[in-house]
PDB file of N, CA and C in Angstrom:
ATOM      1  N   MET A   1       1.291  -1.080  -0.093  1.00  0.00           N
ATOM      2  CA  MET A   1      -0.034   0.348   0.030  1.00  0.00           C
ATOM      3  C   MET A   1       1.041   1.412  -0.026  1.00  0.00           C
ATOM      4  N   ALA A   2       0.497   2.081  -1.013  1.00  0.00           N
ATOM      5  CA  ALA A   2       1.576   3.896  -0.816  1.00  0.00           C
ATOM      6  C   ALA A   2       0.691   4.508  -0.136  1.00  0.00           C
ATOM      7  N   HIS A   3       2.260   4.887   0.477  1.00  0.00           N
ATOM      8  CA  HIS A   3       1.619   6.173   1.595  1.00  0.00           C
ATOM      9  C   HIS A   3       2.635   6.917   1.375  1.00  0.00           C
ATOM     10  N   ASP A   4       2.641   8.188   2.013  1.00  0.00           N
ATOM     11  CA  ASP A   4       3.088   9.622   2.187  1.00  0.00           C
ATOM     12  C   ASP A   4       4.288  10.089   2.652  1.00  0.00           C
ATOM     13  N   ILE A   5       4.505   9.376   3.556  1.00  0.00           N
ATOM     14  CA  ILE A   5       4.937   9.386   5.301  1.00  0.00           C
ATOM     15  C   ILE A   5       6.530  10.072   4.651  1.00  0.00           C
ATOM     16  N   GLN A   6       7.276  11.127   5.496  1.00  0.00           N
ATOM     17  CA  GLN A   6       8.352  11.122   4.457  1.00  0.00           C
ATOM     18  C   GLN A   6       9.331  11.381   6.749  1.00  0.00           C
ATOM     19  N   CYS A   7      10.794  10.672   6.652  1.00  0.00           N
ATOM     20  CA  CYS A   7      11.709  10.811   7.593  1.00  0.00           C
ATOM     21  C   CYS A   7      10.636  12.003   8.764  1.00  0.00           C
ATOM     22  N   TRP A   8      11.048  12.004   9.848  1.00  0.00           N
ATOM     23  CA  TRP A   8      10.791  13.012  10.854  1.00  0.00           C
ATOM     24  C   TRP A   8      11.727  14.041  10.918  1.00  0.00           C
ATOM     25  N   LYS A   9      13.254  13.648  10.181  1.00  0.00           N
ATOM     26  CA  LYS A   9      14.610  14.145  10.578  1.00  0.00           C
ATOM     27  C   LYS A   9      14.750  14.909   9.464  1.00  0.00           C
ATOM     28  N   CYS A  10      15.016  14.284   8.521  1.00  0.00           N
ATOM     29  CA  CYS A  10      14.767  15.408   7.188  1.00  0.00           C
ATOM     30  C   CYS A  10      14.118  15.660   6.311  1.00  0.00           C
ATOM     31  N   GLY A  11      13.116  14.689   6.241  1.00  0.00           N
ATOM     32  CA  GLY A  11      11.850  14.838   5.442  1.00  0.00           C
ATOM     33  C   GLY A  11      12.050  14.320   4.048  1.00  0.00           C
ATOM     34  N   ALA A  12      13.063  13.377   4.139  1.00  0.00           N
ATOM     35  CA  ALA A  12      13.558  11.909   2.779  1.00  0.00           C
ATOM     36  C   ALA A  12      11.786  11.767   2.670  1.00  0.00           C
ATOM     37  N   SER A  13      11.719  10.949   1.110  1.00  0.00           N
ATOM     38  CA  SER A  13      10.127   9.812   1.049  1.00  0.00           C
ATOM     39  C   SER A  13      10.360   9.197   1.954  1.00  0.00           C
ATOM     40  N   LEU A  14       9.465   8.246   2.548  1.00  0.00           N
ATOM     41  CA  LEU A  14       9.451   7.135   2.358  1.00  0.00           C
ATOM     42  C   LEU A  14       8.943   5.658   2.249  1.00  0.00           C
ATOM     43  N   ALA A  15       8.744   6.192   0.738  1.00  0.00           N
ATOM     44  CA  ALA A  15       6.881   5.437  -0.143  1.00  0.00           C
ATOM     45  C   ALA A  15       7.825   4.692  -0.149  1.00  0.00           C
ATOM     46  N   THR A  16       9.107   4.121  -0.273  1.00  0.00           N
ATOM     47  CA  THR A  16       9.454   2.684  -0.922  1.00  0.00           C
ATOM     48  C   THR A  16       9.683   1.772  -0.275  1.00  0.00           C
ATOM     49  N   LEU A  17       9.352   2.289   1.373  1.00  0.00           N
ATOM     50  CA  LEU A  17       8.978   0.749   2.603  1.00  0.00           C
ATOM     51  C   LEU A  17       8.598   0.925   3.027  1.00  0.00           C
ATOM     52  N   ALA A  18       8.159  -0.735   3.549  1.00  0.00           N
ATOM     53  CA  ALA A  18       6.900  -0.778   3.063  1.00  0.00           C
ATOM     54  C   ALA A  18       6.115  -0.541   4.577  1.00  0.00           C
ATOM     55  N   LEU A  19       5.304  -0.331   5.198  1.00  0.00           N
ATOM     56  CA  LEU A  19       4.861  -0.454   5.750  1.00  0.00           C
ATOM     57  C   LEU A  19       4.348  -1.698   6.941  1.00  0.00           C
ATOM     58  N   PRO A  20       3.956  -1.752   8.209  1.00  0.00           N
ATOM     59  CA  PRO A  20       4.770  -0.933   9.552  1.00  0.00           C
ATOM     60  C   PRO A  20       5.982  -1.140   9.312  1.00  0.00           C
ATOM     61  N   PHE A  21       7.159   0.095   9.884  1.00  0.00           N
ATOM     62  CA  PHE A  21       8.221  -0.141   9.651  1.00  0.00           C
ATOM     63  C   PHE A  21       8.684  -0.952  10.972  1.00  0.00           C
ATOM     64  N   GLY A  22       9.930  -1.793  10.601  1.00  0.00           N
ATOM     65  CA  GLY A  22      10.972  -2.266  11.528  1.00  0.00           C
ATOM     66  C   GLY A  22      11.162  -1.126  12.270  1.00  0.00           C
ATOM     67  N   ARG A  23      11.738  -2.274  13.971  1.00  0.00           N
ATOM     68  CA  ARG A  23      12.150  -1.646  14.973  1.00  0.00           C
ATOM     69  C   ARG A  23      13.501  -1.188  14.338  1.00  0.00           C
ATOM     70  N   GLN A  24      14.238  -1.540  13.311  1.00  0.00           N
ATOM     71  CA  GLN A  24      15.722  -1.221  12.921  1.00  0.00           C
ATOM     72  C   GLN A  24      15.903  -1.413  11.978  1.00  0.00           C
ATOM     73  N   GLU A  25      14.859  -0.742  11.167  1.00  0.00           N
ATOM     74  CA  GLU A  25      14.408   0.351   9.542  1.00  0.00           C
ATOM     75  C   GLU A  25      15.326   1.601  10.034  1.00  0.00           C
ATOM     76  N   ARG A  26      16.247   2.880   9.345  1.00  0.00           N
ATOM     77  CA  ARG A  26      16.707   3.831   9.214  1.00  0.00           C
ATOM     78  C   ARG A  26      16.478   4.636   7.699  1.00  0.00           C
ATOM     79  N   CYS A  27      16.375   5.714   7.462  1.00  0.00           N
ATOM     80  CA  CYS A  27      16.125   6.104   7.155  1.00  0.00           C
ATOM     81  C   CYS A  27      17.402   6.294   6.038  1.00  0.00           C
ATOM     82  N   ARG A  28      16.846   6.296   4.820  1.00  0.00           N
ATOM     83  CA  ARG A  28      18.208   6.062   3.816  1.00  0.00           C
ATOM     84  C   ARG A  28      18.663   7.053   3.196  1.00  0.00           C
ATOM     85  N   SER A  29      18.109   8.467   3.930  1.00  0.00           N
ATOM     86  CA  SER A  29      19.320   9.699   3.316  1.00  0.00           C
ATOM     87  C   SER A  29      20.405   9.544   4.675  1.00  0.00           C
ATOM     88  N   CYS A  30      19.021  10.053   5.896  1.00  0.00           N
ATOM     89  CA  CYS A  30      19.826  10.623   6.741  1.00  0.00           C
ATOM     90  C   CYS A  30      20.284   9.895   8.141  1.00  0.00           C
ATOM     91  N   GLY A  31      19.754   8.091   8.049  1.00  0.00           N
ATOM     92  CA  GLY A  31      20.258   7.196   8.428  1.00  0.00           C
ATOM     93  C   GLY A  31      19.306   7.109   9.822  1.00  0.00           C
ATOM     94  N   ALA A  32      18.318   8.036  10.584  1.00  0.00           N
ATOM     95  CA  ALA A  32      17.766   8.266  11.251  1.00  0.00           C
ATOM     96  C   ALA A  32      16.308   7.125  11.369  1.00  0.00           C
ATOM     97  N   ASP A  33      15.946   7.180  13.148  1.00  0.00           N
ATOM     98  CA  ASP A  33      15.953   5.669  13.191  1.00  0.00           C
ATOM     99  C   ASP A  33      14.399   6.329  12.800  1.00  0.00           C
ATOM    100  N   LEU A  34      13.507   4.617  12.387  1.00  0.00           N
ATOM    101  CA  LEU A  34      11.922   5.039  11.641  1.00  0.00           C
ATOM    102  C   LEU A  34      10.605   4.605  12.937  1.00  0.00           C
ATOM    103  N   HIS A  35      11.580   3.395  13.906  1.00  0.00           N
ATOM    104  CA  HIS A  35      10.352   3.449  14.826  1.00  0.00           C
ATOM    105  C   HIS A  35      10.975   3.741  15.991  1.00  0.00           C
ATOM    106  N   ALA A  36      11.012   5.233  16.325  1.00  0.00           N
ATOM    107  CA  ALA A  36      10.096   6.267  16.697  1.00  0.00           C
ATOM    108  C   ALA A  36       9.281   7.070  16.973  1.00  0.00           C
ATOM    109  N   CYS A  37       9.295   7.390  18.490  1.00  0.00           N
ATOM    110  CA  CYS A  37       8.429   8.376  18.303  1.00  0.00           C
ATOM    111  C   CYS A  37       7.997   9.459  17.721  1.00  0.00           C
ATOM    112  N   ARG A  38       9.099   9.990  17.521  1.00  0.00           N
ATOM    113  CA  ARG A  38       8.897  11.042  16.623  1.00  0.00           C
ATOM    114  C   ARG A  38       8.256  11.284  15.028  1.00  0.00           C
ATOM    115  N   LEU A  39       8.633  10.119  14.680  1.00  0.00           N
ATOM    116  CA  LEU A  39       7.477   9.605  13.720  1.00  0.00           C
ATOM    117  C   LEU A  39       5.614   8.697  13.337  1.00  0.00           C
ATOM    118  N   CYS A  40       5.686   8.733  15.134  1.00  0.00           N
ATOM    119  CA  CYS A  40       4.356   7.861  16.020  1.00  0.00           C
ATOM    120  C   CYS A  40       3.277   9.100  15.998  1.00  0.00           C
ATOM    121  N   ARG A  41       1.918   8.620  15.290  1.00  0.00           N
ATOM    122  CA  ARG A  41       0.664   9.379  15.210  1.00  0.00           C
ATOM    123  C   ARG A  41       0.026   9.923  16.429  1.00  0.00           C
ATOM    124  N   HIS A  42       1.025   9.084  18.169  1.00  0.00           N
ATOM    125  CA  HIS A  42       0.381   9.610  18.961  1.00  0.00           C
ATOM    126  C   HIS A  42       1.493  10.224  19.913  1.00  0.00           C
ATOM    127  N   HIS A  43       2.740  10.701  19.224  1.00  0.00           N
ATOM    128  CA  HIS A  43       3.471  11.709  19.495  1.00  0.00           C
ATOM    129  C   HIS A  43       3.192  13.019  20.059  1.00  0.00           C
ATOM    130  N   VAL A  44       3.191  13.691  20.777  1.00  0.00           N
ATOM    131  CA  VAL A  44       2.653  15.103  21.214  1.00  0.00           C
ATOM    132  C   VAL A  44       2.892  16.185  22.281  1.00  0.00           C
ATOM    133  N   PRO A  45       4.487  16.598  21.563  1.00  0.00           N
ATOM    134  CA  PRO A  45       4.937  17.653  22.369  1.00  0.00           C
ATOM    135  C   PRO A  45       4.555  18.091  23.504  1.00  0.00           C
ATOM    136  N   ARG A  46       3.373  18.238  23.312  1.00  0.00           N
ATOM    137  CA  ARG A  46       3.099  19.111  24.143  1.00  0.00           C
ATOM    138  C   ARG A  46       2.386  18.644  25.360  1.00  0.00           C
ATOM    139  N   LEU A  47       2.322  17.156  26.296  1.00  0.00           N
ATOM    140  CA  LEU A  47       1.753  16.747  26.971  1.00  0.00           C
ATOM    141  C   LEU A  47       3.551  16.275  27.613  1.00  0.00           C
ATOM    142  N   PRO A  48       2.658  15.495  29.350  1.00  0.00           N
ATOM    143  CA  PRO A  48       4.226  15.405  29.887  1.00  0.00           C
ATOM    144  C   PRO A  48       4.903  14.492  28.839  1.00  0.00           C
ATOM    145  N   ALA A  49       4.487  12.932  28.767  1.00  0.00           N
ATOM    146  CA  ALA A  49       4.977  12.149  28.862  1.00  0.00           C
ATOM    147  C   ALA A  49       5.213  12.208  27.327  1.00  0.00           C
ATOM    148  N   GLN A  50       4.981  12.778  25.863  1.00  0.00           N
ATOM    149  CA  GLN A  50       5.003  13.907  25.080  1.00  0.00           C
ATOM    150  C   GLN A  50       4.356  12.580  24.075  1.00  0.00           C
ATOM    151  N   CYS A  51       2.866  11.564  24.691  1.00  0.00           N
ATOM    152  CA  CYS A  51       2.307  10.640  23.608  1.00  0.00           C
ATOM    153  C   CYS A  51       1.168  10.685  24.608  1.00  0.00           C
ATOM    154  N   ASP A  52       0.323  10.434  23.279  1.00  0.00           N
ATOM    155  CA  ASP A  52      -1.019  10.719  23.926  1.00  0.00           C
ATOM    156  C   ASP A  52      -1.727   9.192  24.752  1.00  0.00           C
ATOM    157  N   VAL A  53      -1.197   8.403  24.267  1.00  0.00           N
ATOM    158  CA  VAL A  53      -1.874   6.726  24.844  1.00  0.00           C
ATOM    159  C   VAL A  53      -1.171   7.171  25.935  1.00  0.00           C
ATOM    160  N   PRO A  54      -2.544   6.525  26.917  1.00  0.00           N
ATOM    161  CA  PRO A  54      -2.829   7.328  28.706  1.00  0.00           C
ATOM    162  C   PRO A  54      -2.421   5.695  29.136  1.00  0.00           C
ATOM    163  N   ASP A  55      -1.604   5.677  30.302  1.00  0.00           N
ATOM    164  CA  ASP A  55      -0.932   4.230  30.828  1.00  0.00           C
ATOM    165  C   ASP A  55       0.519   4.148  30.919  1.00  0.00           C
ATOM    166  N   ILE A  56       1.360   4.594  29.857  1.00  0.00           N
ATOM    167  CA  ILE A  56       2.574   3.890  28.440  1.00  0.00           C
ATOM    168  C   ILE A  56       3.310   4.051  29.384  1.00  0.00           C
ATOM    169  N   GLU A  57       4.410   3.605  29.566  1.00  0.00           N
ATOM    170  CA  GLU A  57       5.677   3.321  29.560  1.00  0.00           C
ATOM    171  C   GLU A  57       6.213   4.098  28.691  1.00  0.00           C
ATOM    172  N   GLU A  58       7.036   5.528  29.806  1.00  0.00           N
ATOM    173  CA  GLU A  58       7.311   6.885  29.103  1.00  0.00           C
ATOM    174  C   GLU A  58       8.912   5.872  28.362  1.00  0.00           C
ATOM    175  N   VAL A  59       8.850   6.522  27.381  1.00  0.00           N
ATOM    176  CA  VAL A  59      10.378   6.644  25.951  1.00  0.00           C
ATOM    177  C   VAL A  59      10.659   7.937  26.057  1.00  0.00           C
ATOM    178  N   ARG A  60      12.326   7.692  26.725  1.00  0.00           N
ATOM    179  CA  ARG A  60      13.028   9.351  26.918  1.00  0.00           C
ATOM    180  C   ARG A  60      13.134   9.531  25.605  1.00  0.00           C
ATOM    181  N   ALA A  61      13.561   9.095  25.075  1.00  0.00           N
ATOM    182  CA  ALA A  61      14.665   9.309  23.304  1.00  0.00           C
ATOM    183  C   ALA A  61      14.048   8.756  22.378  1.00  0.00           C
ATOM    184  N   LYS A  62      13.198  10.025  22.348  1.00  0.00           N
ATOM    185  CA  LYS A  62      12.164   9.715  21.281  1.00  0.00           C
ATOM    186  C   LYS A  62      12.419  10.120  19.776  1.00  0.00           C
ATOM    187  N   ASP A  63      13.630  10.230  19.153  1.00  0.00           N
ATOM    188  CA  ASP A  63      14.459   9.829  18.492  1.00  0.00           C
ATOM    189  C   ASP A  63      14.889   8.551  18.242  1.00  0.00           C
ATOM    190  N   ARG A  64      14.828   7.782  18.872  1.00  0.00           N
ATOM    191  CA  ARG A  64      15.695   6.222  18.394  1.00  0.00           C
ATOM    192  C   ARG A  64      14.400   5.555  19.080  1.00  0.00           C
ATOM    193  N   ALA A  65      14.972   4.140  17.973  1.00  0.00           N
ATOM    194  CA  ALA A  65      13.914   3.329  17.653  1.00  0.00           C
ATOM    195  C   ALA A  65      13.533   2.767  19.680  1.00  0.00           C
ATOM    196  N   ASN A  66      12.886   2.458  19.377  1.00  0.00           N
ATOM    197  CA  ASN A  66      12.302   1.490  20.580  1.00  0.00           C
ATOM    198  C   ASN A  66      10.833   0.358  20.238  1.00  0.00           C
ATOM    199  N   PHE A  67      10.716  -0.057  21.786  1.00  0.00           N
ATOM    200  CA  PHE A  67      10.039  -1.456  21.561  1.00  0.00           C
ATOM    201  C   PHE A  67       8.042  -0.628  21.588  1.00  0.00           C
ATOM    202  N   CYS A  68       7.947   0.030  21.565  1.00  0.00           N
ATOM    203  CA  CYS A  68       6.424   1.017  21.665  1.00  0.00           C
ATOM    204  C   CYS A  68       5.475   0.158  20.902  1.00  0.00           C
ATOM    205  N   ASP A  69       4.950  -1.059  21.931  1.00  0.00           N
ATOM    206  CA  ASP A  69       3.683  -1.810  19.993  1.00  0.00           C
ATOM    207  C   ASP A  69       2.377  -0.521  19.917  1.00  0.00           C
ATOM    208  N   HIS A  70       2.184   0.578  20.160  1.00  0.00           N
ATOM    209  CA  HIS A  70       1.148   1.746  20.450  1.00  0.00           C
ATOM    210  C   HIS A  70       1.796   2.430  19.156  1.00  0.00           C
ATOM    211  N   TYR A  71       3.363   2.077  18.321  1.00  0.00           N
ATOM    212  CA  TYR A  71       4.006   2.796  16.935  1.00  0.00           C
ATOM    213  C   TYR A  71       2.521   2.484  16.285  1.00  0.00           C
ATOM    214  N   THR A  72       2.625   4.293  15.014  1.00  0.00           N
ATOM    215  CA  THR A  72       2.102   4.458  14.673  1.00  0.00           C
ATOM    216  C   THR A  72       2.651   5.277  13.544  1.00  0.00           C
ATOM    217  N   PRO A  73       3.374   4.939  12.380  1.00  0.00           N
ATOM    218  CA  PRO A  73       4.339   5.921  12.216  1.00  0.00           C
ATOM    219  C   PRO A  73       2.737   6.958  11.187  1.00  0.00           C
ATOM    220  N   VAL A  74       3.046   8.282  10.761  1.00  0.00           N
ATOM    221  CA  VAL A  74       1.901   9.103  10.375  1.00  0.00           C
ATOM    222  C   VAL A  74       2.799   9.781   9.830  1.00  0.00           C
ATOM    223  N   ALA A  75       1.917  10.499   8.218  1.00  0.00           N
ATOM    224  CA  ALA A  75       2.594  11.342   7.609  1.00  0.00           C
ATOM    225  C   ALA A  75       2.615  12.846   8.337  1.00  0.00           C
ATOM    226  N   GLY A  76       3.227  13.956   8.130  1.00  0.00           N
ATOM    227  CA  GLY A  76       3.381  14.824   8.494  1.00  0.00           C
ATOM    228  C   GLY A  76       4.333  15.047   9.884  1.00  0.00           C
ATOM    229  N   ALA A  77       5.243  14.136  10.393  1.00  0.00           N
ATOM    230  CA  ALA A  77       5.237  13.842  11.325  1.00  0.00           C
ATOM    231  C   ALA A  77       7.056  15.378  11.285  1.00  0.00           C
ATOM    232  N   TRP A  78       7.531  15.334  10.068  1.00  0.00           N
ATOM    233  CA  TRP A  78       8.475  16.108   9.122  1.00  0.00           C
ATOM    234  C   TRP A  78       8.404  17.865   9.916  1.00  0.00           C
ATOM    235  N   ARG A  79       8.727  18.441  10.531  1.00  0.00           N
ATOM    236  CA  ARG A  79       8.218  20.443  10.242  1.00  0.00           C
ATOM    237  C   ARG A  79       9.341  20.981   9.452  1.00  0.00           C
ATOM    238  N   GLY A  80      10.116  20.903   8.980  1.00  0.00           N
ATOM    239  CA  GLY A  80      10.712  21.355   8.173  1.00  0.00           C
ATOM    240  C   GLY A  80      12.448  21.397   8.139  1.00  0.00           C
ATOM    241  N   GLY A  81      13.164  22.029   8.168  1.00  0.00           N
ATOM    242  CA  GLY A  81      14.671  21.707   7.908  1.00  0.00           C
ATOM    243  C   GLY A  81      14.998  23.138   9.153  1.00  0.00           C
ATOM    244  N   THR A  82      16.124  23.457   8.534  1.00  0.00           N
ATOM    245  CA  THR A  82      16.111  24.415   9.718  1.00  0.00           C
ATOM    246  C   THR A  82      16.040  25.550   9.027  1.00  0.00           C
ATOM    247  N   SER A  83      15.619  26.968  10.006  1.00  0.00           N
ATOM    248  CA  SER A  83      15.236  28.023   8.776  1.00  0.00           C
ATOM    249  C   SER A  83      16.539  29.260   9.455  1.00  0.00           C
ATOM    250  N   ALA A  84      16.874  29.707   8.731  1.00  0.00           N
ATOM    251  CA  ALA A  84      17.882  30.795   8.629  1.00  0.00           C
ATOM    252  C   ALA A  84      17.667  31.903  10.147  1.00  0.00           C
ATOM    253  N   ALA A  85      16.448  31.746  10.749  1.00  0.00           N
ATOM    254  CA  ALA A  85      16.650  32.131  12.298  1.00  0.00           C
ATOM    255  C   ALA A  85      17.149  31.142  13.574  1.00  0.00           C
ATOM    256  N   ALA A  86      16.837  29.922  13.025  1.00  0.00           N
ATOM    257  CA  ALA A  86      17.655  29.154  13.852  1.00  0.00           C
ATOM    258  C   ALA A  86      18.640  28.602  13.879  1.00  0.00           C
ATOM    259  N   ASP A  87      19.088  28.740  12.573  1.00  0.00           N
ATOM    260  CA  ASP A  87      20.881  29.653  11.965  1.00  0.00           C
ATOM    261  C   ASP A  87      21.750  30.232  13.154  1.00  0.00           C
ATOM    262  N   ALA A  88      20.603  31.087  12.487  1.00  0.00           N
ATOM    263  CA  ALA A  88      21.751  32.727  13.026  1.00  0.00           C
ATOM    264  C   ALA A  88      21.738  32.315  14.758  1.00  0.00           C
ATOM    265  N   ALA A  89      20.703  31.593  15.428  1.00  0.00           N
ATOM    266  CA  ALA A  89      20.773  31.604  16.854  1.00  0.00           C
ATOM    267  C   ALA A  89      21.873  30.549  17.112  1.00  0.00           C
ATOM    268  N   ARG A  90      21.728  29.802  16.735  1.00  0.00           N
ATOM    269  CA  ARG A  90      22.395  28.017  17.286  1.00  0.00           C
ATOM    270  C   ARG A  90      24.089  29.531  16.757  1.00  0.00           C
ATOM    271  N   ALA A  91      24.536  30.385  15.721  1.00  0.00           N
ATOM    272  CA  ALA A  91      25.711  30.921  15.902  1.00  0.00           C
ATOM    273  C   ALA A  91      26.061  32.062  16.545  1.00  0.00           C
ATOM    274  N   GLU A  92      24.270  32.702  17.102  1.00  0.00           N
ATOM    275  CA  GLU A  92      24.663  34.286  18.934  1.00  0.00           C
ATOM    276  C   GLU A  92      25.430  32.726  19.157  1.00  0.00           C
ATOM    277  N   LEU A  93      24.167  31.782  20.214  1.00  0.00           N
ATOM    278  CA  LEU A  93      25.729  30.424  20.904  1.00  0.00           C
ATOM    279  C   LEU A  93      26.701  29.890  21.076  1.00  0.00           C
ATOM    280  N   GLU A  94      26.756  29.824  19.936  1.00  0.00           N
ATOM    281  CA  GLU A  94      28.057  29.240  19.623  1.00  0.00           C
ATOM    282  C   GLU A  94      29.720  30.184  20.375  1.00  0.00           C
ATOM    283  N   LYS A  95      29.016  31.583  19.935  1.00  0.00           N
ATOM    284  CA  LYS A  95      29.796  32.828  19.953  1.00  0.00           C
ATOM    285  C   LYS A  95      29.804  33.123  21.157  1.00  0.00           C
ATOM    286  N   LEU A  96      28.847  32.838  21.918  1.00  0.00           N
ATOM    287  CA  LEU A  96      28.432  33.181  23.181  1.00  0.00           C
ATOM    288  C   LEU A  96      29.676  32.075  24.538  1.00  0.00           C
ATOM    289  N   PHE A  97      29.353  30.138  23.741  1.00  0.00           N
ATOM    290  CA  PHE A  97      30.438  29.514  24.762  1.00  0.00           C
ATOM    291  C   PHE A  97      31.435  29.226  24.021  1.00  0.00           C
ATOM    292  N   GLY A  98      31.682  30.210  23.117  1.00  0.00           N
ATOM    293  CA  GLY A  98      33.228  30.044  22.401  1.00  0.00           C
ATOM    294  C   GLY A  98      33.724  28.881  21.632  1.00  0.00           C
ATOM    295  N   LYS A  99      33.032  28.149  21.318  1.00  0.00           N
ATOM    296  CA  LYS A  99      32.944  27.287  19.828  1.00  0.00           C
ATOM    297  C   LYS A  99      33.687  27.849  18.382  1.00  0.00           C
TER     298      LYS A  99
END
């Protein structure tokens, strides 16, 4: 079945990969783990555990592969690349901390 899911980290199309993604599946463009909270429909950053499934064991590393049985990949997890404002802020921090 075709899908329009993109990598949560780099935005690369994952249409050539079959669903469901396995725990060891990685993005072919950037190497990001795909069976991760950041690509799941239940990932809600504004919630305390960042997951809308009640009474679930919290996964601390939201960008790493996990064993969650509620994992459901979702289109729209990629929020876009770094913006010019983010790059400028990062450069200011690096100047401030001497990098």
